[in-house]
Amino acid sequence: MTINIAVLGYGTVGSGVVEVINTNHDSINKKAGNEINIKYVLDLRDFPDDPVQEKIVHDFDIILNDPQIRIIAEVMGGVEPAYTFTKKALLAGKSVCTSNKELVAQHGAELLQIAKEHNVNYLFEASCGGGIPIIRPLNSSLTADEIDEITGILNGTTNYMLTKMAQEGCEYAEVLKEAQDRGYAERHPEADVEGYDACRKIAILSSLAFGRQVDFHDIYTEGITKITAVDFKYAKQMQRAIKLLGFSKKVGESFYAMVAPMMVSPSDPLYSVNDVFNAIFVHGNVLGDAMFYGRGAGKLPTASAVVADIVDEAKHLERNIMSFWSSKKLELADVGESHRRFFVRIKGTPEERRNDVEAVFGGVKYVQVPGLEDEFGFVTGIITEAEYKEKANRLGGVISMIRMRNL
């Protein structure tokens, strides 16, 4: 049997989906148990020098009204018109898969519910980890567990930049330009470097793990724009790495979520995740620790995850397989109440300011970097975010702060 599909968008990921299906046509068909045929590719543009041109359409209604189309791969990005197209497709009884993290983070609960009601599927493996399989394990393999923590390096661009800063002593602006030159960072890189991309991904993973809607607007988010080469000198002195982490954690009956740069120790499985690689650490009450690792971004890894969803949907026509999270909002606890240690850089010398520091923060561990004469660092004991903020204001002279991942 031939299963006709449509691809919405012929940009980086869309062209990758077509390439993966064409390259691995035989093995994909074997795994799907049917012939996967791309009948339409929707785009505003024409591609006269590309064989795909014969499949190009400019009107979504052609796809929507074709009863032969059973599966749609939405790889347009952005919320609109992707949301409208996806909703119409699901209501018409067509399964949809996507790499669109903005859409899933904002409307995932609603679209999953519509898919369930119409006995089709809405799958989004490619939305959180590029080529890393994480949605499927959360949806099926780990269902016996109660997940109480998800922490991840969820953005390949920022991980590449932080790795370069650590290894070569470069400043932020320098590595950003290099990341842009190599095509890892966009010309307008805010979504990556300000942490917004990681924020949407941890919101999706948290919603799926905890079963209720986690709004990305509610997640405290910091990017890497204030990290400097000097921060890495301190990290090296402390034998730690600096990583941009997105995490959500259940503590008692409360749920905390955050995206921020953190100091990571060598014993942490995330410590050695470098370059454009991503990793997602999951802790369950039965399983214990598990980590998923791979290329988190890029044309073909992301396209590979989309095609895996197409195969899954082809194998389960007219049978809903995806668990869904409730549209009821999960209220996140005030991040100011969460506990951790903090690494703090401060003006002056330990001799000059030791009494001030210890009067405010109590016992701390001092960190000095040879050659840095007008500042020093220290690591606090375990305190809340709110306590840190109050104490830092009281102390004065604080240059910067980075959170410690391991208590």
Protein backbone atom coordinates (compact mmCIF):
# COMPACT_ATOMS: atom_id res chain seq x y z
CA MET A 1 0.00 0.00 0.00
CA THR A 2 1.18 3.52 -0.79
CA ILE A 3 0.85 6.13 1.95
CA ASN A 4 0.88 9.63 0.51
CA ILE A 5 2.36 12.40 2.62
CA ALA A 6 2.86 16.15 2.34
CA VAL A 7 5.72 18.28 3.64
CA LEU A 8 4.89 21.82 4.78
CA GLY A 9 7.94 23.99 4.18
CA TYR A 10 10.99 23.38 2.00
CA GLY A 11 13.58 25.15 4.11
CA THR A 12 16.48 23.54 5.94
CA VAL A 13 14.51 20.81 7.72
CA GLY A 14 11.92 20.33 4.96
CA SER A 15 14.58 19.75 2.32
CA GLY A 16 16.26 17.40 4.80
CA VAL A 17 13.05 15.36 5.18
CA VAL A 18 12.82 14.96 1.41
CA GLU A 19 16.51 14.02 1.24
CA VAL A 20 16.26 11.43 4.03
CA ILE A 21 13.19 9.78 2.48
CA ASN A 22 14.83 9.69 -0.96
CA THR A 23 18.20 8.45 0.33
CA ASN A 24 16.86 5.74 2.67
CA HIS A 25 13.73 4.99 0.67
CA ASP A 26 13.94 1.19 0.79
CA SER A 27 14.75 0.82 4.49
CA ILE A 28 12.12 3.44 5.47
CA ASN A 29 9.43 1.62 3.49
CA LYS A 30 10.43 -1.69 5.04
CA LYS A 31 10.15 -0.24 8.56
CA ALA A 32 6.85 1.47 7.77
CA GLY A 33 5.44 -1.68 6.17
CA ASN A 34 4.19 0.48 3.31
CA GLU A 35 5.43 2.68 0.50
CA ILE A 36 5.95 6.27 1.72
CA ASN A 37 5.35 8.67 -1.15
CA ILE A 38 5.83 12.44 -0.96
CA LYS A 39 2.94 13.76 -3.04
CA TYR A 40 3.13 17.47 -2.16
CA VAL A 41 5.62 19.98 -0.78
CA LEU A 42 4.08 23.28 0.31
CA ASP A 43 6.16 26.43 -0.03
CA LEU A 44 5.65 30.02 -1.12
CA ARG A 45 8.65 29.71 -3.42
CA ASP A 46 9.35 27.75 -6.59
CA PHE A 47 12.47 25.62 -7.06
CA PRO A 48 12.91 25.35 -10.84
CA ASP A 49 16.33 23.67 -10.63
CA ASP A 50 15.25 21.08 -8.04
CA PRO A 51 13.41 17.83 -8.85
CA VAL A 52 11.05 18.70 -5.95
CA GLN A 53 9.46 21.37 -8.16
CA GLU A 54 6.98 18.86 -9.63
CA LYS A 55 5.58 18.32 -6.11
CA ILE A 56 5.49 22.01 -5.08
CA VAL A 57 2.11 23.57 -4.28
CA HIS A 58 1.42 27.03 -2.89
CA ASP A 59 -2.07 26.46 -1.47
CA PHE A 60 -2.52 24.40 1.71
CA ASP A 61 -6.14 23.62 0.79
CA ILE A 62 -4.91 21.38 -2.04
CA ILE A 63 -3.29 19.18 0.62
CA LEU A 64 -6.15 19.48 3.10
CA ASN A 65 -8.78 18.49 0.56
CA ASP A 66 -6.87 15.55 -0.91
CA PRO A 67 -8.22 12.35 0.72
CA GLN A 68 -5.10 10.47 -0.37
CA ILE A 69 -2.92 12.50 2.03
CA ARG A 70 -2.72 10.58 5.31
CA ILE A 71 0.31 12.20 6.97
CA ILE A 72 1.63 15.77 7.01
CA ALA A 73 5.13 16.78 8.12
CA GLU A 74 4.95 20.40 9.37
CA VAL A 75 8.45 21.86 9.29
CA MET A 76 7.59 25.52 8.67
CA GLY A 77 8.53 26.91 12.07
CA GLY A 78 6.72 29.71 13.89
CA VAL A 79 3.24 29.58 15.38
CA GLU A 80 1.24 30.84 12.39
CA PRO A 81 0.22 29.65 9.89
CA ALA A 82 1.59 26.33 11.23
CA TYR A 83 -1.01 26.19 14.05
CA THR A 84 -3.96 26.81 11.70
CA PHE A 85 -2.70 24.26 9.17
CA THR A 86 -1.98 21.63 11.84
CA LYS A 87 -5.36 22.03 13.52
CA LYS A 88 -7.24 21.81 10.21
CA ALA A 89 -5.26 18.70 9.22
CA LEU A 90 -5.96 16.90 12.51
CA LEU A 91 -9.66 17.80 12.36
CA ALA A 92 -9.71 16.37 8.82
CA GLY A 93 -8.35 13.06 10.10
CA LYS A 94 -4.77 13.44 8.92
CA SER A 95 -1.82 12.69 11.22
CA VAL A 96 0.78 15.43 11.66
CA CYS A 97 4.40 15.34 12.81
CA THR A 98 6.57 18.38 13.43
CA SER A 99 9.91 19.84 14.44
CA ASN A 100 8.21 23.09 15.50
CA LYS A 101 9.06 23.67 19.17
CA GLU A 102 7.32 27.06 19.32
CA LEU A 103 4.04 25.52 18.23
CA VAL A 104 4.29 22.44 20.46
CA ALA A 105 5.23 24.53 23.51
CA GLN A 106 2.27 26.87 22.98
CA HIS A 107 -0.48 24.58 21.66
CA GLY A 108 0.75 21.01 22.26
CA ALA A 109 -1.93 20.03 24.78
CA GLU A 110 -4.77 21.19 22.50
CA LEU A 111 -3.36 19.56 19.34
CA LEU A 112 -2.71 16.26 21.13
CA GLN A 113 -6.31 16.25 22.39
CA ILE A 114 -7.69 16.90 18.88
CA ALA A 115 -5.51 14.10 17.50
CA LYS A 116 -6.80 11.71 20.15
CA GLU A 117 -10.45 12.63 19.47
CA HIS A 118 -9.98 11.98 15.74
CA ASN A 119 -7.95 8.78 16.16
CA VAL A 120 -4.88 10.20 14.44
CA ASN A 121 -1.47 11.21 15.77
CA TYR A 122 0.41 14.39 16.51
CA LEU A 123 4.10 13.52 16.99
CA PHE A 124 6.97 15.92 17.68
CA GLU A 125 10.15 13.96 18.34
CA ALA A 126 12.24 16.53 16.43
CA SER A 127 11.00 19.49 18.51
CA CYS A 128 13.19 18.99 21.58
CA GLY A 129 16.46 17.27 20.83
CA GLY A 130 16.93 17.43 17.07
CA GLY A 131 18.07 13.91 16.27
CA ILE A 132 18.09 12.71 19.90
CA PRO A 133 15.19 10.35 20.67
CA ILE A 134 13.64 11.67 23.88
CA ILE A 135 9.89 12.19 23.28
CA ARG A 136 9.33 8.54 22.37
CA PRO A 137 11.12 7.21 25.47
CA LEU A 138 9.14 9.60 27.70
CA ASN A 139 5.93 8.55 25.98
CA SER A 140 6.50 4.79 26.05
CA SER A 141 9.72 3.40 27.54
CA LEU A 142 9.60 5.38 30.78
CA THR A 143 5.87 5.22 31.48
CA ALA A 144 6.39 2.95 34.51
CA ASP A 145 8.49 5.66 36.16
CA GLU A 146 7.52 8.82 37.90
CA ILE A 147 9.93 11.33 36.43
CA ASP A 148 11.12 13.82 39.02
CA GLU A 149 13.89 15.58 37.08
CA ILE A 150 14.78 16.44 33.51
CA THR A 151 17.96 18.45 32.91
CA GLY A 152 19.48 19.03 29.53
CA ILE A 153 21.96 20.76 27.29
CA LEU A 154 19.22 21.58 24.81
CA ASN A 155 20.81 24.01 22.37
CA GLY A 156 23.68 23.04 20.10
CA THR A 157 24.60 26.62 19.17
CA THR A 158 25.24 27.80 22.72
CA ASN A 159 26.99 24.55 23.65
CA TYR A 160 29.34 25.01 20.69
CA MET A 161 30.03 28.60 21.77
CA LEU A 162 30.69 27.70 25.41
CA THR A 163 32.97 24.83 24.33
CA LYS A 164 35.03 27.21 22.16
CA MET A 165 35.27 29.72 25.00
CA ALA A 166 36.45 26.99 27.37
CA GLN A 167 38.99 25.45 25.02
CA GLU A 168 40.42 28.55 23.36
CA GLY A 169 39.89 31.33 25.91
CA CYS A 170 37.81 33.37 23.43
CA GLU A 171 35.38 36.09 24.38
CA TYR A 172 31.65 35.80 23.75
CA ALA A 173 31.50 38.19 20.75
CA GLU A 174 34.32 36.31 19.01
CA VAL A 175 32.72 32.87 19.33
CA LEU A 176 29.31 34.22 18.32
CA LYS A 177 30.77 35.53 15.06
CA GLU A 178 32.47 32.20 14.42
CA ALA A 179 29.23 30.32 15.15
CA GLN A 180 27.42 32.58 12.68
CA ASP A 181 30.14 32.11 10.05
CA ARG A 182 29.85 28.34 10.40
CA GLY A 183 26.07 28.41 10.13
CA TYR A 184 25.45 27.29 13.73
CA ALA A 185 24.02 30.65 14.82
CA GLU A 186 21.46 32.81 13.01
CA ARG A 187 22.13 36.41 12.01
CA HIS A 188 19.69 37.32 14.79
CA PRO A 189 20.79 34.78 17.43
CA GLU A 190 18.59 35.86 20.35
CA ALA A 191 16.51 32.66 20.44
CA ASP A 192 19.67 30.65 21.07
CA VAL A 193 21.93 32.92 23.11
CA GLU A 194 19.19 34.37 25.35
CA GLY A 195 18.01 30.84 26.22
CA TYR A 196 14.55 31.07 24.60
CA ASP A 197 15.07 27.96 22.44
CA ALA A 198 16.12 25.87 25.45
CA CYS A 199 13.20 27.30 27.44
CA ARG A 200 10.61 26.09 24.92
CA LYS A 201 12.21 22.65 24.80
CA ILE A 202 12.27 22.17 28.58
CA ALA A 203 8.64 23.36 28.69
CA ILE A 204 7.63 20.60 26.23
CA LEU A 205 9.64 17.91 28.04
CA SER A 206 8.27 19.01 31.42
CA SER A 207 4.67 19.02 30.15
CA LEU A 208 5.08 15.47 28.85
CA ALA A 209 6.92 14.19 31.94
CA PHE A 210 4.57 15.77 34.50
CA GLY A 211 1.33 15.45 32.50
CA ARG A 212 0.21 19.08 32.73
CA GLN A 213 0.85 22.20 30.68
CA VAL A 214 4.09 23.98 31.58
CA ASP A 215 3.99 27.46 30.04
CA PHE A 216 7.39 28.56 28.77
CA HIS A 217 6.51 32.14 29.76
CA ASP A 218 6.61 30.99 33.41
CA ILE A 219 10.14 29.55 33.24
CA TYR A 220 12.93 31.76 34.58
CA THR A 221 15.40 32.09 31.70
CA GLU A 222 18.94 33.42 31.41
CA GLY A 223 21.17 33.08 28.36
CA ILE A 224 24.94 33.09 27.87
CA THR A 225 25.44 36.70 26.76
CA LYS A 226 27.09 37.73 30.05
CA ILE A 227 29.52 34.79 30.24
CA THR A 228 33.13 35.93 29.75
CA ALA A 229 36.55 34.40 29.17
CA VAL A 230 37.39 35.24 32.81
CA ASP A 231 34.50 33.06 34.00
CA PHE A 232 36.15 30.13 32.24
CA LYS A 233 39.46 30.84 34.00
CA TYR A 234 37.65 30.37 37.30
CA ALA A 235 35.86 27.28 35.99
CA LYS A 236 39.21 25.77 34.96
CA GLN A 237 40.66 26.56 38.37
CA MET A 238 37.69 24.75 39.94
CA GLN A 239 37.89 21.88 37.41
CA ARG A 240 34.36 22.61 36.24
CA ALA A 241 32.63 23.26 32.93
CA ILE A 242 30.08 25.98 32.20
CA LYS A 243 26.98 24.73 30.39
CA LEU A 244 23.65 26.33 29.51
CA LEU A 245 21.14 24.01 31.15
CA GLY A 246 17.39 23.78 31.01
CA PHE A 247 15.92 21.85 33.89
CA SER A 248 12.69 21.03 35.65
CA LYS A 249 12.54 19.24 38.96
CA LYS A 250 9.93 18.02 41.38
CA VAL A 251 10.87 18.73 44.99
CA GLY A 252 8.25 17.43 47.41
CA GLU A 253 4.98 18.64 45.95
CA SER A 254 6.55 21.63 44.18
CA PHE A 255 7.87 21.92 40.61
CA TYR A 256 10.77 24.20 39.69
CA ALA A 257 12.00 25.04 36.18
CA MET A 258 14.83 27.23 34.95
CA VAL A 259 17.18 27.88 32.05
CA ALA A 260 20.56 29.32 33.03
CA PRO A 261 24.33 28.82 32.70
CA MET A 262 25.64 26.49 35.40
CA MET A 263 28.97 25.19 36.69
CA VAL A 264 29.09 21.43 36.18
CA SER A 265 31.48 19.05 37.96
CA PRO A 266 33.51 16.28 36.22
CA SER A 267 31.38 13.60 37.92
CA ASP A 268 28.27 14.95 36.18
CA PRO A 269 27.32 13.12 32.95
CA LEU A 270 26.67 16.50 31.28
CA TYR A 271 30.26 17.68 31.96
CA SER A 272 31.78 16.12 28.84
CA VAL A 273 29.00 17.04 26.39
CA ASN A 274 30.77 19.45 24.04
CA ASP A 275 30.56 21.18 20.68
CA VAL A 276 27.14 21.05 18.94
CA PHE A 277 26.10 17.93 20.85
CA ASN A 278 23.13 17.95 23.19
CA ALA A 279 22.25 15.66 26.07
CA ILE A 280 19.15 15.14 28.18
CA PHE A 281 19.42 13.68 31.67
CA VAL A 282 16.30 12.07 33.14
CA HIS A 283 15.79 10.82 36.69
CA GLY A 284 12.91 8.49 37.53
CA ASN A 285 11.91 7.00 40.87
CA VAL A 286 12.29 3.44 39.53
CA LEU A 287 14.82 3.78 36.71
CA GLY A 288 17.20 6.12 38.50
CA ASP A 289 19.44 8.02 36.06
CA ALA A 290 19.36 7.84 32.26
CA MET A 291 20.92 10.10 29.65
CA PHE A 292 20.12 10.63 25.96
CA TYR A 293 22.97 12.04 23.86
CA GLY A 294 23.46 13.06 20.25
CA ARG A 295 23.46 15.86 17.69
CA GLY A 296 20.76 18.20 18.87
CA ALA A 297 20.54 20.34 15.77
CA GLY A 298 21.30 20.38 12.09
CA LYS A 299 19.44 19.62 8.89
CA LEU A 300 19.77 15.84 8.69
CA PRO A 301 19.62 14.87 12.41
CA THR A 302 16.40 16.89 12.80
CA ALA A 303 14.99 15.56 9.52
CA SER A 304 15.82 12.02 10.66
CA ALA A 305 13.64 12.50 13.75
CA VAL A 306 10.77 13.87 11.62
CA VAL A 307 10.98 10.89 9.27
CA ALA A 308 10.97 8.52 12.27
CA ASP A 309 7.65 10.09 13.28
CA ILE A 310 6.32 9.69 9.73
CA VAL A 311 7.19 5.97 9.91
CA ASP A 312 5.51 5.67 13.32
CA GLU A 313 2.36 7.34 12.01
CA ALA A 314 2.38 5.14 8.90
CA LYS A 315 2.50 2.05 11.13
CA HIS A 316 -0.39 3.32 13.27
CA LEU A 317 -2.94 4.74 10.85
CA GLU A 318 -6.28 5.29 12.58
CA ARG A 319 -4.80 4.41 15.98
CA ASN A 320 -3.69 7.08 18.42
CA ILE A 321 -0.40 6.18 20.14
CA MET A 322 0.72 9.40 21.79
CA SER A 323 -0.05 10.11 25.42
CA PHE A 324 -1.13 13.68 25.99
CA TRP A 325 -0.72 16.17 28.73
CA SER A 326 -3.61 17.98 30.31
CA SER A 327 -4.24 21.56 29.24
CA LYS A 328 -4.59 22.28 32.96
CA LYS A 329 -1.67 24.46 33.86
CA LEU A 330 1.12 23.17 36.09
CA GLU A 331 1.84 25.98 38.53
CA LEU A 332 5.59 26.32 38.90
CA ALA A 333 6.94 27.22 42.33
CA ASP A 334 8.71 30.54 42.77
CA VAL A 335 12.26 29.93 41.58
CA GLY A 336 13.42 32.19 44.42
CA GLU A 337 12.61 29.34 46.81
CA SER A 338 14.87 26.79 45.07
CA HIS A 339 18.15 25.83 46.77
CA ARG A 340 21.69 25.60 45.37
CA ARG A 341 25.25 26.84 45.73
CA PHE A 342 26.40 29.93 43.85
CA PHE A 343 29.80 30.86 42.42
CA VAL A 344 30.32 34.60 42.89
CA ARG A 345 32.99 36.95 41.46
CA ILE A 346 33.66 40.03 43.54
CA LYS A 347 35.89 43.11 43.36
CA GLY A 348 38.88 43.38 45.72
CA THR A 349 41.07 40.73 47.35
CA PRO A 350 40.23 38.03 49.92
CA GLU A 351 42.41 39.82 52.46
CA GLU A 352 40.44 43.05 52.02
CA ARG A 353 36.97 41.55 51.88
CA ARG A 354 37.06 38.25 53.74
CA ASN A 355 35.31 39.68 56.79
CA ASP A 356 32.59 41.30 54.63
CA VAL A 357 31.99 38.09 52.67
CA GLU A 358 31.80 35.85 55.72
CA ALA A 359 29.65 38.32 57.65
CA VAL A 360 27.05 38.13 54.87
CA PHE A 361 27.43 34.62 53.43
CA GLY A 362 28.95 32.71 56.35
CA GLY A 363 31.42 29.94 55.48
CA VAL A 364 32.44 30.02 51.81
CA LYS A 365 35.10 28.40 49.64
CA TYR A 366 37.46 30.93 48.06
CA VAL A 367 38.69 30.69 44.47
CA GLN A 368 41.59 32.74 43.10
CA VAL A 369 43.00 32.72 39.58
CA PRO A 370 46.70 33.55 39.17
CA GLY A 371 47.09 36.88 37.38
CA LEU A 372 43.71 38.27 38.43
CA GLU A 373 44.67 40.78 41.10
CA ASP A 374 41.65 43.03 41.54
CA GLU A 375 39.00 40.35 42.02
CA PHE A 376 38.42 36.91 43.45
CA GLY A 377 35.68 34.32 43.60
CA PHE A 378 33.92 32.25 46.21
CA VAL A 379 31.36 29.45 46.36
CA THR A 380 28.50 29.88 48.79
CA GLY A 381 26.87 27.26 50.96
CA ILE A 382 23.44 25.95 49.96
CA ILE A 383 20.99 28.86 50.01
CA THR A 384 17.85 29.87 48.11
CA GLU A 385 17.84 32.10 45.04
CA ALA A 386 16.05 34.79 47.05
CA GLU A 387 18.63 34.60 49.84
CA TYR A 388 21.47 34.89 47.33
CA LYS A 389 19.93 37.98 45.78
CA GLU A 390 19.43 39.68 49.15
CA LYS A 391 22.95 38.83 50.36
CA ALA A 392 24.63 39.90 47.11
CA ASN A 393 22.89 43.28 47.31
CA ARG A 394 24.02 43.63 50.92
CA LEU A 395 27.62 42.67 50.15
CA GLY A 396 28.11 44.95 47.15
CA GLY A 397 30.92 44.80 44.61
CA VAL A 398 29.62 41.62 42.96
CA ILE A 399 30.86 41.31 39.37
CA SER A 400 28.86 38.25 38.35
CA MET A 401 27.32 34.98 39.55
CA ILE A 402 27.00 31.51 38.04
CA ARG A 403 24.90 28.79 39.64
CA MET A 404 26.40 25.44 40.65
CA ARG A 405 24.57 22.40 39.27
CA ASN A 406 25.76 19.93 41.89
CA LEU A 407 24.97 20.71 45.52
